[in-house]
Amino acid sequence: MKPTHIEHIGIAVKSLEEAIPYYEKVLGLECYNIEEVADQKVKTAFFRVGQTKIELLESTDPEGTIAKFIEKKGEGVHHIAFAVDNVEGALADCEAAGVRLIDKAPRGGAEGLSIAFLHPKSTMGVLTEFCEDKNKK
């Protein structure tokens, strides 16, 4: 398994409405997609910076993982996501190397990606996500 590029950097925010203007007006980026991922209890907004995306994450539920993250650590970088050709294979490689998995199998994510997370206790404190775009195959 070898990541092809950084797919996106996930940033937890209290409010997309308040955060989007910073990325658009100050950084000059364009928000090209906003969508809700109901099963993850988040609303997301995406910006492109070259081949990499910035994903803003707003919790839609006070008990959701993003809300809990912000409560503990405040707004900020939540995770880094790597594009891989095969999420299942990447998970198997990591598990074989002794890395603790959050997801034993891929699940659906924003923008139609197949995603899975590694536990930050096994990744030097960085919540790590693998993303596979099955539509590009």
N, C-alpha and C. Protein backbone atom coordinates (compact mmCIF):
# COMPACT_ATOMS: atom_id res chain seq x y z
N MET A 1 0.84 -1.18 0.00
CA MET A 1 0.00 0.00 0.00
C MET A 1 0.88 1.24 0.00
N LYS A 2 0.57 2.14 -0.90
CA LYS A 2 1.28 3.41 -0.93
C LYS A 2 0.28 4.49 -1.32
N PRO A 3 0.11 5.50 -0.46
CA PRO A 3 -0.81 6.59 -0.81
C PRO A 3 -0.35 7.29 -2.09
N THR A 4 -1.32 7.72 -2.90
CA THR A 4 -0.99 8.42 -4.13
C THR A 4 -0.84 9.92 -3.90
N HIS A 5 -1.56 10.46 -2.92
CA HIS A 5 -1.45 11.89 -2.58
C HIS A 5 -2.28 12.15 -1.32
N ILE A 6 -2.13 13.35 -0.78
CA ILE A 6 -3.00 13.75 0.34
C ILE A 6 -4.34 14.11 -0.29
N GLU A 7 -5.37 13.36 0.06
CA GLU A 7 -6.70 13.59 -0.52
C GLU A 7 -7.29 14.86 0.07
N HIS A 8 -7.24 14.95 1.40
CA HIS A 8 -7.72 16.18 2.05
C HIS A 8 -7.21 16.27 3.48
N ILE A 9 -7.33 17.47 4.02
CA ILE A 9 -7.08 17.73 5.43
C ILE A 9 -8.41 18.13 6.02
N GLY A 10 -8.84 17.41 7.04
CA GLY A 10 -10.12 17.67 7.69
C GLY A 10 -9.95 18.65 8.84
N ILE A 11 -10.77 19.69 8.86
CA ILE A 11 -10.70 20.72 9.89
C ILE A 11 -12.05 20.85 10.57
N ALA A 12 -12.08 20.64 11.88
CA ALA A 12 -13.31 20.75 12.65
C ALA A 12 -13.62 22.22 12.92
N VAL A 13 -14.85 22.62 12.62
CA VAL A 13 -15.29 24.00 12.86
C VAL A 13 -16.65 23.97 13.56
N LYS A 14 -16.91 25.01 14.32
CA LYS A 14 -18.22 25.12 14.97
C LYS A 14 -19.31 25.44 13.97
N SER A 15 -18.97 26.26 12.96
CA SER A 15 -19.97 26.73 12.02
C SER A 15 -19.36 26.90 10.63
N LEU A 16 -19.93 26.18 9.66
CA LEU A 16 -19.50 26.37 8.27
C LEU A 16 -19.78 27.80 7.83
N GLU A 17 -20.91 28.31 8.24
CA GLU A 17 -21.31 29.67 7.85
C GLU A 17 -20.28 30.70 8.28
N GLU A 18 -19.68 30.49 9.44
CA GLU A 18 -18.66 31.41 9.93
C GLU A 18 -17.27 31.11 9.35
N ALA A 19 -16.99 29.84 9.06
CA ALA A 19 -15.65 29.45 8.60
C ALA A 19 -15.43 29.66 7.11
N ILE A 20 -16.44 29.41 6.30
CA ILE A 20 -16.28 29.50 4.84
C ILE A 20 -15.76 30.86 4.39
N PRO A 21 -16.27 31.99 4.93
CA PRO A 21 -15.76 33.28 4.48
C PRO A 21 -14.25 33.47 4.64
N TYR A 22 -13.66 32.90 5.68
CA TYR A 22 -12.20 32.98 5.85
C TYR A 22 -11.50 32.34 4.66
N TYR A 23 -11.91 31.13 4.30
CA TYR A 23 -11.26 30.41 3.21
C TYR A 23 -11.50 31.09 1.87
N GLU A 24 -12.68 31.67 1.69
CA GLU A 24 -12.99 32.33 0.42
C GLU A 24 -12.43 33.75 0.34
N LYS A 25 -12.69 34.56 1.34
CA LYS A 25 -12.33 35.98 1.26
C LYS A 25 -10.89 36.26 1.64
N VAL A 26 -10.35 35.52 2.59
CA VAL A 26 -8.98 35.76 3.02
C VAL A 26 -7.99 34.94 2.19
N LEU A 27 -8.27 33.65 2.04
CA LEU A 27 -7.34 32.78 1.31
C LEU A 27 -7.61 32.74 -0.19
N GLY A 28 -8.78 33.22 -0.61
CA GLY A 28 -9.09 33.26 -2.03
C GLY A 28 -9.48 31.92 -2.63
N LEU A 29 -9.87 30.97 -1.79
CA LEU A 29 -10.30 29.66 -2.28
C LEU A 29 -11.80 29.70 -2.57
N GLU A 30 -12.26 28.72 -3.33
CA GLU A 30 -13.68 28.65 -3.65
C GLU A 30 -14.28 27.39 -3.04
N CYS A 31 -15.35 27.57 -2.28
CA CYS A 31 -16.07 26.41 -1.75
C CYS A 31 -16.86 25.81 -2.92
N TYR A 32 -16.52 24.59 -3.30
CA TYR A 32 -17.16 23.99 -4.46
C TYR A 32 -18.22 22.94 -4.11
N ASN A 33 -18.28 22.54 -2.83
CA ASN A 33 -19.25 21.51 -2.47
C ASN A 33 -19.56 21.59 -0.98
N ILE A 34 -20.84 21.56 -0.65
CA ILE A 34 -21.30 21.44 0.74
C ILE A 34 -22.26 20.26 0.75
N GLU A 35 -22.04 19.34 1.67
CA GLU A 35 -22.95 18.20 1.77
C GLU A 35 -23.00 17.68 3.19
N GLU A 36 -24.10 17.04 3.51
CA GLU A 36 -24.27 16.43 4.82
C GLU A 36 -24.02 14.93 4.68
N VAL A 37 -23.27 14.39 5.63
CA VAL A 37 -23.05 12.95 5.71
C VAL A 37 -23.77 12.52 6.99
N ALA A 38 -25.03 12.15 6.83
CA ALA A 38 -25.93 11.91 7.97
C ALA A 38 -25.41 10.86 8.93
N ASP A 39 -24.88 9.74 8.42
CA ASP A 39 -24.44 8.68 9.33
C ASP A 39 -23.20 9.06 10.13
N GLN A 40 -22.47 10.09 9.69
CA GLN A 40 -21.32 10.57 10.44
C GLN A 40 -21.65 11.83 11.25
N LYS A 41 -22.89 12.29 11.14
CA LYS A 41 -23.37 13.45 11.90
C LYS A 41 -22.55 14.70 11.63
N VAL A 42 -22.24 14.92 10.34
CA VAL A 42 -21.48 16.10 9.95
C VAL A 42 -22.04 16.73 8.68
N LYS A 43 -21.76 18.02 8.55
CA LYS A 43 -21.96 18.74 7.31
C LYS A 43 -20.57 19.18 6.89
N THR A 44 -20.25 19.00 5.61
CA THR A 44 -18.89 19.28 5.13
C THR A 44 -18.91 20.36 4.06
N ALA A 45 -17.80 21.07 3.97
CA ALA A 45 -17.58 22.05 2.90
C ALA A 45 -16.18 21.80 2.36
N PHE A 46 -16.03 21.82 1.02
CA PHE A 46 -14.76 21.49 0.40
C PHE A 46 -14.18 22.64 -0.41
N PHE A 47 -12.85 22.73 -0.36
CA PHE A 47 -12.06 23.70 -1.12
C PHE A 47 -10.90 22.94 -1.75
N ARG A 48 -10.48 23.33 -2.94
CA ARG A 48 -9.31 22.71 -3.59
C ARG A 48 -8.09 23.62 -3.44
N VAL A 49 -6.97 22.99 -3.15
CA VAL A 49 -5.66 23.66 -3.15
C VAL A 49 -4.76 22.73 -3.93
N GLY A 50 -4.63 22.97 -5.23
CA GLY A 50 -3.91 22.03 -6.09
C GLY A 50 -4.67 20.73 -6.14
N GLN A 51 -3.95 19.62 -5.91
CA GLN A 51 -4.58 18.30 -5.93
C GLN A 51 -5.21 17.95 -4.58
N THR A 52 -4.89 18.73 -3.55
CA THR A 52 -5.37 18.46 -2.20
C THR A 52 -6.61 19.29 -1.91
N LYS A 53 -7.46 18.74 -1.05
CA LYS A 53 -8.67 19.45 -0.65
C LYS A 53 -8.58 19.79 0.84
N ILE A 54 -9.30 20.83 1.20
CA ILE A 54 -9.55 21.16 2.60
C ILE A 54 -11.01 20.79 2.84
N GLU A 55 -11.27 20.02 3.87
CA GLU A 55 -12.63 19.63 4.23
C GLU A 55 -12.96 20.24 5.58
N LEU A 56 -13.90 21.17 5.60
CA LEU A 56 -14.39 21.70 6.86
C LEU A 56 -15.50 20.79 7.35
N LEU A 57 -15.49 20.50 8.65
CA LEU A 57 -16.47 19.59 9.24
C LEU A 57 -17.22 20.30 10.36
N GLU A 58 -18.53 20.39 10.22
CA GLU A 58 -19.41 20.96 11.24
C GLU A 58 -20.31 19.85 11.76
N SER A 59 -20.39 19.69 13.06
CA SER A 59 -21.24 18.65 13.63
C SER A 59 -22.72 19.01 13.45
N THR A 60 -23.51 17.99 13.15
CA THR A 60 -24.96 18.18 13.07
C THR A 60 -25.65 17.62 14.31
N ASP A 61 -24.84 17.15 15.26
CA ASP A 61 -25.38 16.53 16.47
C ASP A 61 -24.42 16.82 17.63
N PRO A 62 -24.93 17.33 18.75
CA PRO A 62 -24.04 17.62 19.88
C PRO A 62 -23.31 16.38 20.42
N GLU A 63 -23.79 15.18 20.07
CA GLU A 63 -23.14 13.94 20.50
C GLU A 63 -22.23 13.36 19.42
N GLY A 64 -22.12 14.03 18.28
CA GLY A 64 -21.29 13.54 17.19
C GLY A 64 -19.80 13.67 17.49
N THR A 65 -18.99 12.96 16.74
CA THR A 65 -17.54 12.95 17.00
C THR A 65 -16.91 14.33 16.80
N ILE A 66 -17.40 15.10 15.84
CA ILE A 66 -16.83 16.43 15.62
C ILE A 66 -17.18 17.36 16.78
N ALA A 67 -18.40 17.29 17.25
CA ALA A 67 -18.80 18.12 18.40
C ALA A 67 -17.96 17.76 19.62
N LYS A 68 -17.75 16.49 19.84
CA LYS A 68 -16.93 16.04 20.98
C LYS A 68 -15.47 16.47 20.82
N PHE A 69 -14.96 16.39 19.59
CA PHE A 69 -13.60 16.82 19.32
C PHE A 69 -13.44 18.30 19.66
N ILE A 70 -14.36 19.13 19.18
CA ILE A 70 -14.29 20.58 19.43
C ILE A 70 -14.43 20.87 20.92
N GLU A 71 -15.28 20.13 21.60
CA GLU A 71 -15.46 20.31 23.04
C GLU A 71 -14.15 20.04 23.79
N LYS A 72 -13.42 19.01 23.37
CA LYS A 72 -12.16 18.63 24.03
C LYS A 72 -10.98 19.50 23.60
N LYS A 73 -10.86 19.72 22.29
CA LYS A 73 -9.64 20.33 21.75
C LYS A 73 -9.84 21.68 21.08
N GLY A 74 -11.10 22.06 20.87
CA GLY A 74 -11.36 23.30 20.14
C GLY A 74 -11.33 23.07 18.64
N GLU A 75 -11.64 24.11 17.90
CA GLU A 75 -11.62 24.00 16.45
C GLU A 75 -10.18 23.79 15.98
N GLY A 76 -10.05 23.12 14.85
CA GLY A 76 -8.71 22.93 14.28
C GLY A 76 -8.59 21.67 13.47
N VAL A 77 -7.35 21.32 13.14
CA VAL A 77 -7.10 20.15 12.31
C VAL A 77 -7.62 18.91 13.03
N HIS A 78 -8.45 18.16 12.33
CA HIS A 78 -9.06 16.95 12.88
C HIS A 78 -8.40 15.69 12.35
N HIS A 79 -8.13 15.65 11.03
CA HIS A 79 -7.50 14.46 10.45
C HIS A 79 -6.81 14.78 9.13
N ILE A 80 -5.98 13.84 8.71
CA ILE A 80 -5.35 13.91 7.39
C ILE A 80 -5.81 12.67 6.63
N ALA A 81 -6.18 12.88 5.37
CA ALA A 81 -6.70 11.77 4.56
C ALA A 81 -5.78 11.52 3.37
N PHE A 82 -5.44 10.27 3.18
CA PHE A 82 -4.58 9.86 2.08
C PHE A 82 -5.40 9.12 1.04
N ALA A 83 -5.19 9.44 -0.23
CA ALA A 83 -5.81 8.70 -1.32
C ALA A 83 -5.04 7.41 -1.51
N VAL A 84 -5.77 6.31 -1.60
CA VAL A 84 -5.17 5.00 -1.86
C VAL A 84 -5.97 4.32 -2.97
N ASP A 85 -5.34 3.36 -3.62
CA ASP A 85 -6.03 2.64 -4.70
C ASP A 85 -6.98 1.58 -4.17
N ASN A 86 -6.76 1.13 -2.93
CA ASN A 86 -7.56 0.05 -2.38
C ASN A 86 -7.64 0.20 -0.86
N VAL A 87 -8.76 0.68 -0.36
CA VAL A 87 -8.90 0.90 1.08
C VAL A 87 -8.81 -0.42 1.84
N GLU A 88 -9.45 -1.47 1.32
CA GLU A 88 -9.42 -2.76 2.02
C GLU A 88 -7.98 -3.26 2.16
N GLY A 89 -7.21 -3.15 1.10
CA GLY A 89 -5.82 -3.56 1.13
C GLY A 89 -4.99 -2.72 2.08
N ALA A 90 -5.24 -1.41 2.10
CA ALA A 90 -4.52 -0.51 3.00
C ALA A 90 -4.82 -0.87 4.46
N LEU A 91 -6.09 -1.16 4.76
CA LEU A 91 -6.45 -1.55 6.12
C LEU A 91 -5.77 -2.86 6.50
N ALA A 92 -5.76 -3.82 5.59
CA ALA A 92 -5.12 -5.12 5.87
C ALA A 92 -3.62 -4.94 6.12
N ASP A 93 -2.96 -4.10 5.31
CA ASP A 93 -1.53 -3.84 5.50
C ASP A 93 -1.27 -3.21 6.87
N CYS A 94 -2.10 -2.23 7.22
CA CYS A 94 -1.91 -1.55 8.51
C CYS A 94 -2.16 -2.49 9.68
N GLU A 95 -3.22 -3.27 9.59
CA GLU A 95 -3.53 -4.21 10.67
C GLU A 95 -2.40 -5.23 10.82
N ALA A 96 -1.86 -5.71 9.71
CA ALA A 96 -0.74 -6.67 9.75
C ALA A 96 0.50 -6.04 10.38
N ALA A 97 0.62 -4.71 10.26
CA ALA A 97 1.76 -4.00 10.85
C ALA A 97 1.49 -3.62 12.31
N GLY A 98 0.34 -4.03 12.85
CA GLY A 98 0.04 -3.76 14.25
C GLY A 98 -0.64 -2.43 14.51
N VAL A 99 -1.13 -1.77 13.47
CA VAL A 99 -1.81 -0.49 13.63
C VAL A 99 -3.26 -0.76 14.04
N ARG A 100 -3.72 -0.02 15.02
CA ARG A 100 -5.09 -0.15 15.50
C ARG A 100 -6.05 0.53 14.52
N LEU A 101 -7.09 -0.18 14.12
CA LEU A 101 -8.06 0.34 13.17
C LEU A 101 -9.29 0.87 13.89
N ILE A 102 -9.84 1.96 13.40
CA ILE A 102 -11.17 2.40 13.83
C ILE A 102 -12.21 1.67 12.99
N ASP A 103 -11.96 1.62 11.69
CA ASP A 103 -12.85 0.93 10.75
C ASP A 103 -12.21 -0.35 10.28
N LYS A 104 -12.88 -1.47 10.50
CA LYS A 104 -12.38 -2.77 10.02
C LYS A 104 -12.68 -2.95 8.54
N ALA A 105 -13.66 -2.19 8.04
CA ALA A 105 -14.04 -2.25 6.63
C ALA A 105 -14.38 -0.83 6.18
N PRO A 106 -14.24 -0.55 4.89
CA PRO A 106 -14.56 0.79 4.39
C PRO A 106 -16.04 1.11 4.55
N ARG A 107 -16.33 2.40 4.61
CA ARG A 107 -17.71 2.89 4.65
C ARG A 107 -17.81 4.09 3.72
N GLY A 108 -19.02 4.53 3.49
CA GLY A 108 -19.24 5.66 2.60
C GLY A 108 -18.89 6.98 3.26
N GLY A 109 -18.27 7.85 2.50
CA GLY A 109 -17.90 9.17 3.01
C GLY A 109 -18.40 10.26 2.08
N ALA A 110 -18.05 11.49 2.38
CA ALA A 110 -18.43 12.63 1.56
C ALA A 110 -17.87 12.46 0.14
N GLU A 111 -18.52 13.08 -0.79
CA GLU A 111 -18.14 13.06 -2.20
C GLU A 111 -18.12 11.65 -2.80
N GLY A 112 -18.85 10.73 -2.18
CA GLY A 112 -18.95 9.38 -2.71
C GLY A 112 -17.73 8.51 -2.53
N LEU A 113 -16.80 8.95 -1.68
CA LEU A 113 -15.57 8.18 -1.47
C LEU A 113 -15.81 7.00 -0.53
N SER A 114 -15.02 5.97 -0.70
CA SER A 114 -14.96 4.86 0.23
C SER A 114 -13.86 5.21 1.23
N ILE A 115 -14.18 5.21 2.53
CA ILE A 115 -13.23 5.71 3.52
C ILE A 115 -13.06 4.73 4.69
N ALA A 116 -11.97 4.90 5.42
CA ALA A 116 -11.72 4.15 6.65
C ALA A 116 -10.68 4.91 7.46
N PHE A 117 -10.79 4.81 8.78
CA PHE A 117 -9.90 5.54 9.68
C PHE A 117 -9.01 4.60 10.48
N LEU A 118 -7.80 5.10 10.78
CA LEU A 118 -6.86 4.45 11.69
C LEU A 118 -6.90 5.18 13.01
N HIS A 119 -6.72 4.46 14.10
CA HIS A 119 -6.79 5.07 15.43
C HIS A 119 -5.55 5.92 15.71
N PRO A 120 -5.74 7.15 16.20
CA PRO A 120 -4.59 8.03 16.44
C PRO A 120 -3.60 7.51 17.49
N LYS A 121 -4.04 6.58 18.34
CA LYS A 121 -3.10 6.01 19.32
C LYS A 121 -2.05 5.14 18.64
N SER A 122 -2.31 4.74 17.40
CA SER A 122 -1.35 3.93 16.65
C SER A 122 -0.62 4.74 15.58
N THR A 123 -0.96 6.03 15.46
CA THR A 123 -0.40 6.85 14.36
C THR A 123 0.20 8.15 14.90
N MET A 124 0.87 8.06 16.02
CA MET A 124 1.54 9.21 16.64
C MET A 124 0.60 10.39 16.86
N GLY A 125 -0.64 10.08 17.23
CA GLY A 125 -1.60 11.12 17.59
C GLY A 125 -2.34 11.76 16.43
N VAL A 126 -2.12 11.27 15.20
CA VAL A 126 -2.78 11.86 14.04
C VAL A 126 -3.88 10.93 13.56
N LEU A 127 -5.14 11.39 13.65
CA LEU A 127 -6.24 10.62 13.09
C LEU A 127 -6.01 10.54 11.58
N THR A 128 -5.90 9.33 11.06
CA THR A 128 -5.54 9.10 9.67
C THR A 128 -6.69 8.42 8.94
N GLU A 129 -7.01 8.94 7.77
CA GLU A 129 -8.09 8.40 6.96
C GLU A 129 -7.53 7.93 5.62
N PHE A 130 -8.06 6.83 5.13
CA PHE A 130 -7.78 6.38 3.77
C PHE A 130 -9.03 6.63 2.94
N CYS A 131 -8.83 7.10 1.71
CA CYS A 131 -9.94 7.39 0.80
C CYS A 131 -9.68 6.71 -0.54
N GLU A 132 -10.74 6.12 -1.07
CA GLU A 132 -10.67 5.51 -2.39
C GLU A 132 -11.84 6.01 -3.22
N ASP A 133 -11.53 6.51 -4.40
CA ASP A 133 -12.56 6.97 -5.32
C ASP A 133 -12.86 5.85 -6.29
N LYS A 134 -13.89 5.08 -6.00
CA LYS A 134 -14.22 3.92 -6.83
C LYS A 134 -14.75 4.35 -8.20
N ASN A 135 -15.16 5.61 -8.35
CA ASN A 135 -15.65 6.09 -9.64
C ASN A 135 -14.51 6.32 -10.63
N LYS A 136 -13.28 6.45 -10.15
CA LYS A 136 -12.13 6.70 -11.03
C LYS A 136 -11.56 5.41 -11.60
N LYS A 137 -12.14 4.28 -11.24
CA LYS A 137 -11.57 3.01 -11.72
C LYS A 137 -12.24 2.58 -12.99
